[in-house]
Amino acid sequence: MREKGREWTRRGFLATAFSGLVSAGFLGVARGKAIRGEEKKQPQEQPKEIIYRKLGKTGIKIPIVSMGVMNADNPEVVKASYELGVRHFDTAAYYQGGKNEEMVGKVIGKMGVRDKVVIGTKIFHPGQRKDTKPSDIKKRIPKLCDISLKRLNMDYVDILYIHNLMEVGTASNDDIIEAMLKLKEQGKARHIGVTTHTIMDQIINDAVKAGVWEVILTVINFTLGDYPELVESIDNAAAKGVGIIAMKTQAGSNRRSKDDFGDDYATPTVATAALKWVLKYENITTAVPGYTTFEHMKQDFSVAYGLDYTPEELKLMESHEIKVGMGFCRQCDVCRSSCPHGVDIASLMRTHMYAANYSNFYQARATLDDIPGGMGLDACSACSVCSARCAHFVDIARNIDELKQIYA
């Protein structure tokens, strides 16, 4: 079912997401009716339907909440997600050393629902690009795809991504494009796309300009409300028929407790409010929150039935302290100029997120290993005090110190 409501503009998206004026007005009216006793005269509310959206020009139609499988290692959670209504599962070749793809493939195969789900996976991440000669690109990408298909035990994937674009120009690389288009022609990938965690607006615009990518998986969440260029790039992509999928929608953080944010901001408030903030923007087809438990699965998928804020969620969205407290790194890379060694701080902050917030040490190690020598944690060992500064709210020195304790 298509979500009803007015079309969102960039200004409308940002204003409503932050101020919550529409939701506040609605809630105010509802309270007024209850006081006058008029609420009792209303007919009993009918069960809500799952909100579906179309993924650009791909022809795919899926619920607005999907499953990011990256951190999950329990196949029963994947199975329960399908039974609950999830129809899109997002994984990657090097999540858990390939075991993530294997788990997804086994669950979908055992349930016999391959034709009812959308499977997305990712190959050719920065480390693989770094170790691949330009002349070998067209040979390596098909091999990586075949390895993923074997792990998934599938003949094709619905979305095949080039993983984690970090530099403008990668999306327009002729050899990468040729290899991916050939996989599509062979039927191994129904649709092709790219993913980005860094300088997202520039990467998205570059991918759209290339004219071949059908889906873009990008970071976006409520702490990025002062990043209008990102929203503009998403608008640009959607206008060209490119499907947009959102990740890191809960600000790259694990579930927060009452000790973190107080009674008003305990789980599930943070999780559901953050998801709603993103999905109120209709140019985003679906989000792939990375839950790992049945409880979190239910919390996240509840958003697929409606995007109105609860009073608690609205209070959170209006709190500047929460946005600051999340300490989410937007991967803008501005901080690198403040480091005397030119360290790839953005990648280190992603490493910290995976290790400290997700407890996904495999992904943290893989991210750390992708950083070129002399630009990672090895360079930080020369400094007793970190002088790098974030243009926003990330405590870089604290995060790097924690990484040193884990890996040094």
Protein backbone atom coordinates (compact mmCIF):
# COMPACT_ATOMS: atom_id res chain seq x y z
CA MET A 1 0.00 0.00 0.00
CA ARG A 2 1.34 3.44 -0.90
CA GLU A 3 1.79 5.82 1.99
CA LYS A 4 -0.71 8.65 1.95
CA GLY A 5 0.37 12.21 2.54
CA ARG A 6 1.78 15.26 0.86
CA GLU A 7 4.92 15.10 -1.19
CA TRP A 8 7.99 15.99 0.84
CA THR A 9 10.35 18.74 -0.25
CA ARG A 10 13.85 19.15 1.18
CA ARG A 11 12.71 22.06 3.36
CA GLY A 12 9.60 20.20 4.47
CA PHE A 13 11.58 17.09 5.31
CA LEU A 14 14.09 18.89 7.49
CA ALA A 15 11.61 21.19 9.16
CA THR A 16 9.11 18.50 10.02
CA ALA A 17 11.71 15.97 11.07
CA PHE A 18 13.22 18.38 13.56
CA SER A 19 10.35 20.50 14.79
CA GLY A 20 7.63 17.87 14.73
CA LEU A 21 5.02 20.60 14.28
CA VAL A 22 2.71 18.44 12.22
CA SER A 23 2.86 15.61 14.72
CA ALA A 24 2.56 18.00 17.65
CA GLY A 25 -0.56 19.54 16.18
CA PHE A 26 -2.12 16.17 15.59
CA LEU A 27 -1.36 15.04 19.10
CA GLY A 28 -2.77 18.25 20.50
CA VAL A 29 -6.08 17.72 18.69
CA ALA A 30 -6.27 14.12 19.83
CA ARG A 31 -5.85 15.15 23.46
CA GLY A 32 -8.51 17.81 23.06
CA LYS A 33 -11.03 15.31 21.71
CA ALA A 34 -10.30 12.93 24.54
CA ILE A 35 -10.95 15.66 27.10
CA ARG A 36 -14.32 16.50 25.52
CA GLY A 37 -15.23 12.87 25.30
CA GLU A 38 -15.50 12.99 21.52
CA GLU A 39 -12.94 10.24 21.07
CA LYS A 40 -15.44 7.63 22.23
CA LYS A 41 -17.69 8.37 19.26
CA GLN A 42 -15.01 7.45 16.76
CA PRO A 43 -15.25 4.00 15.14
CA GLN A 44 -12.77 1.39 16.33
CA GLU A 45 -9.43 1.80 14.58
CA GLN A 46 -8.86 -0.71 11.80
CA PRO A 47 -5.63 -2.72 11.71
CA LYS A 48 -2.96 -0.81 9.81
CA GLU A 49 -1.32 -2.16 6.69
CA ILE A 50 2.39 -2.35 5.98
CA ILE A 51 3.63 0.65 4.00
CA TYR A 52 5.28 -0.30 0.71
CA ARG A 53 7.32 1.88 -1.64
CA LYS A 54 8.82 1.44 -5.09
CA LEU A 55 12.59 1.26 -5.47
CA GLY A 56 13.20 3.82 -8.19
CA LYS A 57 12.75 2.43 -11.69
CA THR A 58 13.69 -1.12 -10.73
CA GLY A 59 10.06 -2.23 -10.47
CA ILE A 60 10.76 -3.61 -6.99
CA LYS A 61 8.16 -2.80 -4.33
CA ILE A 62 9.08 -3.51 -0.71
CA PRO A 63 8.10 -2.55 2.86
CA ILE A 64 9.71 0.63 4.16
CA VAL A 65 11.53 -1.37 6.84
CA SER A 66 13.97 -4.08 5.75
CA MET A 67 16.67 -6.05 7.56
CA GLY A 68 20.34 -5.16 7.64
CA VAL A 69 21.77 -8.59 8.40
CA MET A 70 25.39 -7.48 8.98
CA ASN A 71 25.53 -7.94 12.77
CA ALA A 72 23.09 -10.84 13.00
CA ASP A 73 24.32 -14.39 13.55
CA ASN A 74 21.05 -16.07 14.53
CA PRO A 75 19.23 -17.60 11.53
CA GLU A 76 16.01 -17.69 13.53
CA VAL A 77 15.94 -13.88 13.58
CA VAL A 78 16.17 -13.83 9.78
CA LYS A 79 13.36 -16.40 9.55
CA ALA A 80 11.19 -14.49 12.02
CA SER A 81 11.79 -11.27 10.09
CA TYR A 82 10.32 -12.80 6.95
CA GLU A 83 7.35 -14.15 8.89
CA LEU A 84 6.79 -10.68 10.35
CA GLY A 85 6.72 -9.05 6.92
CA VAL A 86 10.31 -8.17 5.97
CA ARG A 87 10.93 -8.77 2.28
CA HIS A 88 14.35 -7.21 1.69
CA PHE A 89 17.52 -8.59 3.28
CA ASP A 90 20.81 -6.72 3.00
CA THR A 91 24.15 -8.50 3.44
CA ALA A 92 27.69 -8.29 2.04
CA ALA A 93 30.53 -10.53 0.92
CA TYR A 94 32.80 -9.81 3.85
CA TYR A 95 30.27 -9.56 6.67
CA GLN A 96 31.45 -12.13 9.21
CA GLY A 97 33.95 -13.45 6.69
CA GLY A 98 31.21 -14.59 4.32
CA LYS A 99 29.21 -16.44 6.96
CA ASN A 100 26.53 -13.75 6.85
CA GLU A 101 25.77 -14.49 3.21
CA GLU A 102 25.76 -18.21 3.97
CA MET A 103 23.25 -17.75 6.78
CA VAL A 104 20.92 -15.65 4.63
CA GLY A 105 21.11 -18.19 1.81
CA LYS A 106 20.37 -21.14 4.08
CA VAL A 107 17.36 -19.48 5.70
CA ILE A 108 15.81 -18.29 2.45
CA GLY A 109 16.49 -21.65 0.78
CA LYS A 110 15.06 -23.69 3.63
CA MET A 111 11.91 -21.54 3.70
CA GLY A 112 11.52 -21.81 -0.08
CA VAL A 113 10.77 -18.11 -0.48
CA ARG A 114 13.50 -16.99 -2.86
CA ASP A 115 10.96 -15.61 -5.33
CA LYS A 116 9.26 -13.60 -2.59
CA VAL A 117 12.29 -11.72 -1.25
CA VAL A 118 14.77 -9.11 -2.43
CA ILE A 119 18.38 -9.99 -1.66
CA GLY A 120 21.09 -7.34 -1.78
CA THR A 121 24.79 -8.04 -1.33
CA LYS A 122 28.00 -6.04 -1.76
CA ILE A 123 31.38 -6.78 -3.32
CA PHE A 124 34.65 -5.01 -4.20
CA HIS A 125 35.09 -3.01 -1.00
CA PRO A 126 37.92 -0.45 -0.60
CA GLY A 127 40.49 -3.02 0.49
CA GLN A 128 39.79 -5.15 -2.57
CA ARG A 129 39.94 -2.13 -4.86
CA LYS A 130 43.26 -1.13 -3.29
CA ASP A 131 44.73 -4.58 -3.98
CA THR A 132 43.38 -4.89 -7.55
CA LYS A 133 45.33 -3.73 -10.58
CA PRO A 134 43.22 -1.65 -13.02
CA SER A 135 43.81 -4.29 -15.67
CA ASP A 136 42.33 -6.97 -13.41
CA ILE A 137 39.11 -5.22 -12.41
CA LYS A 138 36.97 -6.81 -15.10
CA LYS A 139 38.23 -10.23 -14.07
CA ARG A 140 37.99 -9.83 -10.31
CA ILE A 141 34.47 -8.44 -10.02
CA PRO A 142 32.82 -11.46 -11.73
CA LYS A 143 34.82 -13.80 -9.49
CA LEU A 144 33.70 -11.94 -6.38
CA CYS A 145 30.10 -12.11 -7.57
CA ASP A 146 30.35 -15.87 -8.19
CA ILE A 147 31.79 -16.41 -4.70
CA SER A 148 28.87 -14.50 -3.15
CA LEU A 149 26.32 -16.42 -5.20
CA LYS A 150 27.90 -19.69 -4.10
CA ARG A 151 27.71 -18.68 -0.44
CA LEU A 152 24.12 -17.54 -0.86
CA ASN A 153 23.33 -20.72 -2.84
CA MET A 154 21.50 -18.57 -5.37
CA ASP A 155 21.66 -18.10 -9.13
CA TYR A 156 21.27 -14.34 -8.84
CA VAL A 157 20.92 -11.46 -6.42
CA ASP A 158 18.33 -8.74 -6.81
CA ILE A 159 20.79 -5.93 -6.01
CA LEU A 160 24.55 -6.22 -6.41
CA TYR A 161 26.50 -3.27 -5.00
CA ILE A 162 30.03 -2.00 -5.33
CA HIS A 163 30.75 -1.55 -1.64
CA ASN A 164 31.67 1.64 0.21
CA LEU A 165 32.64 4.21 -2.39
CA MET A 166 34.96 6.73 -0.75
CA GLU A 167 36.23 8.79 -3.68
CA VAL A 168 34.47 10.71 -6.42
CA GLY A 169 35.19 8.97 -9.71
CA THR A 170 34.88 5.35 -8.57
CA ALA A 171 31.24 5.20 -9.67
CA SER A 172 32.22 6.33 -13.17
CA ASN A 173 35.13 3.89 -13.54
CA ASP A 174 34.59 2.33 -16.98
CA ASP A 175 36.03 -1.05 -16.01
CA ILE A 176 33.83 -1.34 -12.93
CA ILE A 177 30.76 -0.32 -14.90
CA GLU A 178 31.51 -2.76 -17.73
CA ALA A 179 31.99 -5.65 -15.31
CA MET A 180 28.78 -4.91 -13.41
CA LEU A 181 26.70 -4.45 -16.57
CA LYS A 182 27.96 -7.77 -17.86
CA LEU A 183 26.85 -9.48 -14.64
CA LYS A 184 23.45 -7.92 -15.14
CA GLU A 185 23.30 -9.13 -18.74
CA GLN A 186 24.18 -12.64 -17.54
CA GLY A 187 21.30 -12.56 -15.08
CA LYS A 188 23.52 -12.83 -12.01
CA ALA A 189 22.42 -9.41 -10.79
CA ARG A 190 18.94 -8.08 -11.51
CA HIS A 191 19.99 -4.56 -10.58
CA ILE A 192 23.29 -2.87 -9.77
CA GLY A 193 24.15 -0.18 -7.26
CA VAL A 194 26.73 1.45 -5.01
CA THR A 195 26.99 2.08 -1.29
CA THR A 196 28.56 5.05 0.49
CA HIS A 197 29.49 6.03 4.05
CA THR A 198 31.72 9.00 3.19
CA ILE A 199 31.05 12.41 1.58
CA MET A 200 27.69 10.89 0.74
CA ASP A 201 26.30 13.82 -1.24
CA GLN A 202 29.30 13.90 -3.58
CA ILE A 203 29.31 10.13 -4.08
CA ILE A 204 25.56 10.05 -4.75
CA ASN A 205 25.75 12.87 -7.29
CA ASP A 206 28.72 11.19 -8.99
CA ALA A 207 26.88 7.85 -9.16
CA VAL A 208 23.79 9.48 -10.64
CA LYS A 209 25.92 11.29 -13.21
CA ALA A 210 27.38 7.95 -14.35
CA GLY A 211 23.88 7.02 -15.50
CA VAL A 212 24.07 3.24 -14.93
CA TRP A 213 23.53 2.68 -11.22
CA GLU A 214 19.97 1.75 -10.27
CA VAL A 215 20.18 1.70 -6.47
CA ILE A 216 22.19 3.67 -3.92
CA LEU A 217 22.55 2.58 -0.30
CA THR A 218 23.55 5.58 1.79
CA VAL A 219 24.03 6.70 5.38
CA ILE A 220 21.35 9.07 6.63
CA ASN A 221 19.91 9.68 10.09
CA PHE A 222 18.50 12.39 12.35
CA THR A 223 21.91 13.65 13.47
CA LEU A 224 22.52 14.78 9.87
CA GLY A 225 19.66 17.26 9.78
CA ASP A 226 22.13 20.09 9.16
CA TYR A 227 23.49 18.37 6.06
CA PRO A 228 21.16 19.74 3.34
CA GLU A 229 23.52 18.72 0.55
CA LEU A 230 22.82 15.07 1.37
CA VAL A 231 19.07 15.55 1.05
CA GLU A 232 19.55 17.48 -2.20
CA SER A 233 21.64 14.66 -3.64
CA ILE A 234 18.96 12.14 -2.69
CA ASP A 235 16.34 14.32 -4.37
CA ASN A 236 18.53 14.46 -7.46
CA ALA A 237 18.91 10.68 -7.52
CA ALA A 238 15.20 10.06 -7.00
CA ALA A 239 14.32 12.47 -9.80
CA LYS A 240 16.47 10.36 -12.14
CA GLY A 241 14.73 7.16 -11.07
CA VAL A 242 17.51 5.85 -8.83
CA GLY A 243 16.22 3.90 -5.83
CA ILE A 244 17.49 5.06 -2.43
CA ILE A 245 17.94 2.74 0.56
CA ALA A 246 18.97 4.13 3.95
CA MET A 247 21.48 2.66 6.40
CA LYS A 248 22.90 3.75 9.77
CA THR A 249 19.43 5.15 10.38
CA GLN A 250 19.83 4.85 14.14
CA ALA A 251 23.00 6.97 14.05
CA GLY A 252 25.38 4.03 14.01
CA SER A 253 24.60 3.27 17.62
CA ASN A 254 23.58 0.16 19.45
CA ARG A 255 20.38 0.32 21.48
CA ARG A 256 20.65 2.94 24.19
CA SER A 257 19.60 2.31 27.78
CA LYS A 258 17.87 4.47 30.36
CA ASP A 259 21.27 5.19 31.85
CA ASP A 260 22.34 6.81 28.56
CA PHE A 261 19.39 9.08 27.88
CA GLY A 262 16.99 8.88 30.82
CA ASP A 263 13.54 7.33 31.07
CA ASP A 264 12.09 9.22 28.09
CA TYR A 265 14.75 8.03 25.68
CA ALA A 266 15.16 4.33 26.46
CA THR A 267 14.73 1.64 23.87
CA PRO A 268 12.53 1.42 21.84
CA THR A 269 12.05 5.22 21.64
CA VAL A 270 15.44 5.99 20.09
CA ALA A 271 15.20 3.19 17.55
CA THR A 272 11.68 3.90 16.33
CA ALA A 273 11.97 7.69 16.39
CA ALA A 274 15.19 7.58 14.39
CA LEU A 275 13.67 5.24 11.80
CA LYS A 276 10.57 7.40 11.44
CA TRP A 277 12.68 10.51 10.95
CA VAL A 278 14.36 8.94 7.93
CA LEU A 279 11.30 7.24 6.46
CA LYS A 280 9.11 10.34 6.60
CA TYR A 281 11.11 11.30 3.53
CA GLU A 282 9.35 9.54 0.65
CA ASN A 283 12.37 9.64 -1.65
CA ILE A 284 13.86 6.95 0.59
CA THR A 285 12.32 3.61 -0.32
CA THR A 286 13.34 1.55 2.69
CA ALA A 287 15.77 1.40 5.61
CA VAL A 288 17.99 -1.51 6.62
CA PRO A 289 18.37 -1.26 10.43
CA GLY A 290 20.89 -3.77 11.72
CA TYR A 291 19.00 -5.53 14.47
CA THR A 292 20.10 -8.84 15.99
CA THR A 293 17.33 -9.81 18.43
CA PHE A 294 13.62 -10.63 18.20
CA GLU A 295 12.80 -7.68 20.45
CA HIS A 296 14.65 -5.18 18.28
CA MET A 297 13.18 -6.77 15.15
CA LYS A 298 9.66 -6.08 16.42
CA GLN A 299 10.55 -2.55 17.49
CA ASP A 300 12.00 -1.66 14.11
CA PHE A 301 9.33 -3.29 11.98
CA SER A 302 6.55 -1.59 13.96
CA VAL A 303 7.54 1.57 12.07
CA ALA A 304 6.42 -0.07 8.80
CA TYR A 305 2.81 0.41 9.90
CA GLY A 306 2.90 4.16 10.44
CA LEU A 307 5.25 7.12 10.73
CA ASP A 308 3.49 9.42 13.21
CA TYR A 309 5.65 10.20 16.24
CA THR A 310 4.52 9.18 19.70
CA PRO A 311 4.84 11.94 22.34
CA GLU A 312 8.06 10.34 23.61
CA GLU A 313 9.53 10.10 20.11
CA LEU A 314 8.60 13.70 19.36
CA LYS A 315 10.32 14.85 22.54
CA LEU A 316 13.46 13.03 21.49
CA MET A 317 13.41 14.53 18.00
CA GLU A 318 13.23 18.01 19.49
CA SER A 319 16.19 17.42 21.82
CA HIS A 320 19.45 18.99 20.69
CA GLU A 321 21.28 17.20 23.49
CA ILE A 322 20.38 13.81 22.05
CA LYS A 323 21.79 14.67 18.63
CA VAL A 324 25.01 15.83 20.26
CA GLY A 325 25.10 12.87 22.63
CA MET A 326 24.92 10.32 19.83
CA GLY A 327 28.38 11.42 18.69
CA PHE A 328 27.72 10.18 15.16
CA CYS A 329 30.53 10.64 12.65
CA ARG A 330 29.17 11.84 9.31
CA GLN A 331 32.40 10.81 7.55
CA CYS A 332 32.91 14.28 6.07
CA ASP A 333 36.69 13.91 6.44
CA VAL A 334 37.12 17.57 7.42
CA CYS A 335 38.93 16.48 10.58
CA ARG A 336 41.84 14.99 8.59
CA SER A 337 43.31 18.46 8.03
CA SER A 338 43.57 18.95 11.80
CA CYS A 339 45.69 15.81 12.20
CA PRO A 340 49.47 16.34 11.83
CA HIS A 341 49.83 12.85 10.32
CA GLY A 342 46.89 13.05 7.90
CA VAL A 343 45.25 10.01 9.49
CA ASP A 344 42.08 8.60 7.93
CA ILE A 345 40.06 9.56 10.98
CA ALA A 346 36.71 8.90 9.32
CA SER A 347 37.57 5.22 8.83
CA LEU A 348 38.83 5.01 12.41
CA MET A 349 35.52 6.41 13.64
CA ARG A 350 33.66 3.74 11.64
CA THR A 351 35.95 1.14 13.18
CA HIS A 352 35.09 2.49 16.61
CA MET A 353 31.37 2.37 15.82
CA TYR A 354 31.54 -1.30 14.79
CA ALA A 355 33.67 -2.30 17.79
CA ALA A 356 32.30 -0.16 20.62
CA ASN A 357 28.67 0.26 19.57
CA TYR A 358 27.87 -2.90 17.60
CA SER A 359 30.34 -5.29 19.28
CA ASN A 360 31.02 -6.46 15.72
CA PHE A 361 34.76 -6.94 16.02
CA TYR A 362 35.06 -8.76 12.71
CA GLN A 363 33.66 -5.77 10.82
CA ALA A 364 35.77 -3.42 12.92
CA ARG A 365 38.92 -5.36 12.06
CA ALA A 366 38.01 -5.45 8.37
CA THR A 367 37.43 -1.68 8.33
CA LEU A 368 40.70 -1.08 10.13
CA ASP A 369 42.58 -3.31 7.69
CA ASP A 370 41.18 -1.35 4.73
CA ILE A 371 43.04 1.79 5.87
CA PRO A 372 46.37 2.29 4.03
CA GLY A 373 49.52 1.91 6.11
CA GLY A 374 50.61 5.07 7.89
CA MET A 375 47.08 6.51 7.80
CA GLY A 376 45.47 4.37 10.49
CA LEU A 377 45.89 3.50 14.12
CA ASP A 378 49.59 2.86 13.55
CA ALA A 379 50.12 6.57 12.92
CA CYS A 380 48.17 7.48 16.06
CA SER A 381 50.66 5.64 18.25
CA ALA A 382 53.11 8.51 17.72
CA CYS A 383 50.82 10.95 19.55
CA SER A 384 50.26 10.94 23.29
CA VAL A 385 47.56 13.59 22.89
CA CYS A 386 45.24 13.68 19.89
CA SER A 387 45.00 17.13 18.31
CA ALA A 388 42.40 16.22 15.68
CA ARG A 389 39.13 18.09 15.99
CA CYS A 390 35.64 17.32 14.70
CA ALA A 391 33.60 20.05 13.03
CA HIS A 392 30.51 18.59 14.69
CA PHE A 393 30.09 16.53 17.87
CA VAL A 394 32.43 13.54 17.73
CA ASP A 395 34.98 13.09 20.52
CA ILE A 396 37.76 11.91 18.23
CA ALA A 397 40.45 11.70 20.93
CA ARG A 398 38.31 9.53 23.20
CA ASN A 399 37.32 7.17 20.39
CA ILE A 400 40.90 6.75 19.18
CA ASP A 401 42.06 6.13 22.75
CA GLU A 402 39.46 3.36 23.06
CA LEU A 403 40.62 1.87 19.76
CA LYS A 404 44.19 1.86 21.06
CA GLN A 405 43.05 -0.05 24.11
CA ILE A 406 41.31 -2.62 21.91
CA TYR A 407 43.91 -3.04 19.16
CA ALA A 408 47.27 -1.63 20.31
